[in-house]
Every structure is written in structure tokens, then in C-alpha cells.
Amino acid sequence: MADDTERGLYSKYRVTKADGKSLDGPCFVLRPDRDFAAWHALNTYGIYTTNDRLSADIFAWLDEMGQPLCPDELRRSPSQGE
């Protein structure tokens, strides 16, 4: 079986609400503490959400954990283009 970096989208976690009840729809778990793309996805969410308190909390959380290093495979030199 392929490792997580090769599997694509699949069910990896079982998520419930804090009160133990089931979710009423799909969700996607992000690990910004160790996933470069997840960190940037949450940063983007913080920019675009209309909930000012949530935005501030997201930015504070991301700032506290620091930005994960960019994986080598995402690094591009200006000559590489797209």
C-alpha cells in the first residue's frame, strides 16, 4: 500500500463533535503543525472568513506554531516556471 503522500483523498480519521455526536456532513482534517499545505490552507481561511474572532484565533495559532518548512518538491526556482 502507498504511503500517505501517494494515496490522495481517503478516510484517515474518525471525527466527532466535542459532545460525542456525529457530524452532519463531510469534513477534512488538517495538520498545520507538520503539513506545509495545511498551514497555508488555514492561513488562507483566516484571510477569507468573515468571522473576525475566528480569523484572529487562526492567525494567533499559526503564529504560535510557526510556519513548517517548505518540502523540497514544492521549491521552484524562477527558471522552472509552472
C-alpha atoms as a PDB file:
ATOM      1  CA  MET A   1       0.000   0.000   0.000  1.00  0.00           C
ATOM      2  CA  ALA A   2       1.224   3.517  -0.820  1.00  0.00           C
ATOM      3  CA  ASP A   3       2.261   5.857   1.959  1.00  0.00           C
ATOM      4  CA  ASP A   4       0.126   8.894   2.834  1.00  0.00           C
ATOM      5  CA  THR A   5       1.939  11.169   0.366  1.00  0.00           C
ATOM      6  CA  GLU A   6       0.782   8.985  -2.538  1.00  0.00           C
ATOM      7  CA  ARG A   7      -2.744   7.947  -1.528  1.00  0.00           C
ATOM      8  CA  GLY A   8      -4.810  11.001  -2.392  1.00  0.00           C
ATOM      9  CA  LEU A   9      -8.080  11.669  -0.560  1.00  0.00           C
ATOM     10  CA  TYR A  10      -9.199   8.858   1.747  1.00  0.00           C
ATOM     11  CA  SER A  11     -10.751   8.332   5.177  1.00  0.00           C
ATOM     12  CA  LYS A  12      -7.889   8.561   7.646  1.00  0.00           C
ATOM     13  CA  TYR A  13      -9.634   9.932  10.755  1.00  0.00           C
ATOM     14  CA  ARG A  14     -12.929   9.375  12.535  1.00  0.00           C
ATOM     15  CA  VAL A  15     -14.164  12.786  13.620  1.00  0.00           C
ATOM     16  CA  THR A  16     -16.956  13.512  16.097  1.00  0.00           C
ATOM     17  CA  LYS A  17     -18.179  16.711  17.703  1.00  0.00           C
ATOM     18  CA  ALA A  18     -16.829  17.591  21.152  1.00  0.00           C
ATOM     19  CA  ASP A  19     -20.094  16.369  22.693  1.00  0.00           C
ATOM     20  CA  GLY A  20     -19.616  12.955  21.045  1.00  0.00           C
ATOM     21  CA  LYS A  21     -22.350  13.412  18.435  1.00  0.00           C
ATOM     22  CA  SER A  22     -21.828  12.553  14.786  1.00  0.00           C
ATOM     23  CA  LEU A  23     -21.090  15.180  12.174  1.00  0.00           C
ATOM     24  CA  ASP A  24     -23.903  16.042   9.781  1.00  0.00           C
ATOM     25  CA  GLY A  25     -21.600  16.186   6.754  1.00  0.00           C
ATOM     26  CA  PRO A  26     -18.108  15.508   5.466  1.00  0.00           C
ATOM     27  CA  CYS A  27     -15.017  17.122   6.947  1.00  0.00           C
ATOM     28  CA  PHE A  28     -11.318  17.365   6.165  1.00  0.00           C
ATOM     29  CA  VAL A  29      -8.658  17.193   8.888  1.00  0.00           C
ATOM     30  CA  LEU A  30      -5.632  19.481   8.538  1.00  0.00           C
ATOM     31  CA  ARG A  31      -2.353  19.181  10.487  1.00  0.00           C
ATOM     32  CA  PRO A  32      -0.749  22.630  10.122  1.00  0.00           C
ATOM     33  CA  ASP A  33       1.927  21.768  12.672  1.00  0.00           C
ATOM     34  CA  ARG A  34       3.586  19.385  10.220  1.00  0.00           C
ATOM     35  CA  ASP A  35       1.970  19.934   6.834  1.00  0.00           C
ATOM     36  CA  PHE A  36       3.125  22.902   4.742  1.00  0.00           C
ATOM     37  CA  ALA A  37      -0.031  22.903   2.593  1.00  0.00           C
ATOM     38  CA  ALA A  38      -2.324  22.659   5.636  1.00  0.00           C
ATOM     39  CA  TRP A  39      -0.626  25.661   7.261  1.00  0.00           C
ATOM     40  CA  HIS A  40      -1.212  27.737   4.143  1.00  0.00           C
ATOM     41  CA  ALA A  41      -4.794  26.475   3.758  1.00  0.00           C
ATOM     42  CA  LEU A  42      -5.615  27.659   7.275  1.00  0.00           C
ATOM     43  CA  ASN A  43      -3.845  30.950   6.688  1.00  0.00           C
ATOM     44  CA  THR A  44      -5.985  31.463   3.585  1.00  0.00           C
ATOM     45  CA  TYR A  45      -9.114  30.570   5.562  1.00  0.00           C
ATOM     46  CA  GLY A  46      -8.127  33.166   8.153  1.00  0.00           C
ATOM     47  CA  ILE A  47      -7.888  35.772   5.405  1.00  0.00           C
ATOM     48  CA  TYR A  48     -11.254  34.998   3.818  1.00  0.00           C
ATOM     49  CA  THR A  49     -13.532  34.112   6.747  1.00  0.00           C
ATOM     50  CA  THR A  50     -15.999  36.822   7.745  1.00  0.00           C
ATOM     51  CA  ASN A  51     -15.737  35.734  11.397  1.00  0.00           C
ATOM     52  CA  ASP A  52     -13.247  38.251  12.783  1.00  0.00           C
ATOM     53  CA  ARG A  53     -12.747  36.376  16.061  1.00  0.00           C
ATOM     54  CA  LEU A  54     -12.072  33.098  14.256  1.00  0.00           C
ATOM     55  CA  SER A  55      -9.670  34.849  11.900  1.00  0.00           C
ATOM     56  CA  ALA A  56      -7.708  36.347  14.810  1.00  0.00           C
ATOM     57  CA  ASP A  57      -7.616  32.973  16.589  1.00  0.00           C
ATOM     58  CA  ILE A  58      -6.353  31.197  13.454  1.00  0.00           C
ATOM     59  CA  PHE A  59      -3.589  33.768  12.886  1.00  0.00           C
ATOM     60  CA  ALA A  60      -2.533  33.605  16.548  1.00  0.00           C
ATOM     61  CA  TRP A  61      -2.439  29.797  16.428  1.00  0.00           C
ATOM     62  CA  LEU A  62      -0.434  29.729  13.195  1.00  0.00           C
ATOM     63  CA  ASP A  63       1.969  32.360  14.537  1.00  0.00           C
ATOM     64  CA  GLU A  64       2.458  30.343  17.735  1.00  0.00           C
ATOM     65  CA  MET A  65       3.349  27.139  15.896  1.00  0.00           C
ATOM     66  CA  GLY A  66       5.479  28.816  13.234  1.00  0.00           C
ATOM     67  CA  GLN A  67       5.438  28.014   9.555  1.00  0.00           C
ATOM     68  CA  PRO A  68       6.542  24.493   8.615  1.00  0.00           C
ATOM     69  CA  LEU A  69       9.402  24.226   6.175  1.00  0.00           C
ATOM     70  CA  CYS A  70       8.556  24.012   2.507  1.00  0.00           C
ATOM     71  CA  PRO A  71       9.119  20.470   1.224  1.00  0.00           C
ATOM     72  CA  ASP A  72      11.871  20.239  -1.377  1.00  0.00           C
ATOM     73  CA  GLU A  73       9.453  19.002  -4.036  1.00  0.00           C
ATOM     74  CA  LEU A  74       7.483  22.276  -3.767  1.00  0.00           C
ATOM     75  CA  ARG A  75      10.501  24.522  -4.087  1.00  0.00           C
ATOM     76  CA  ARG A  76      10.807  26.040  -7.544  1.00  0.00           C
ATOM     77  CA  SER A  77      13.446  28.252  -8.987  1.00  0.00           C
ATOM     78  CA  PRO A  78      12.269  31.171 -11.126  1.00  0.00           C
ATOM     79  CA  SER A  79      13.579  29.392 -14.237  1.00  0.00           C
ATOM     80  CA  GLN A  80      11.348  26.340 -13.617  1.00  0.00           C
ATOM     81  CA  GLY A  81       8.100  28.215 -14.201  1.00  0.00           C
ATOM     82  CA  GLU A  82       4.900  26.296 -13.606  1.00  0.00           C
END
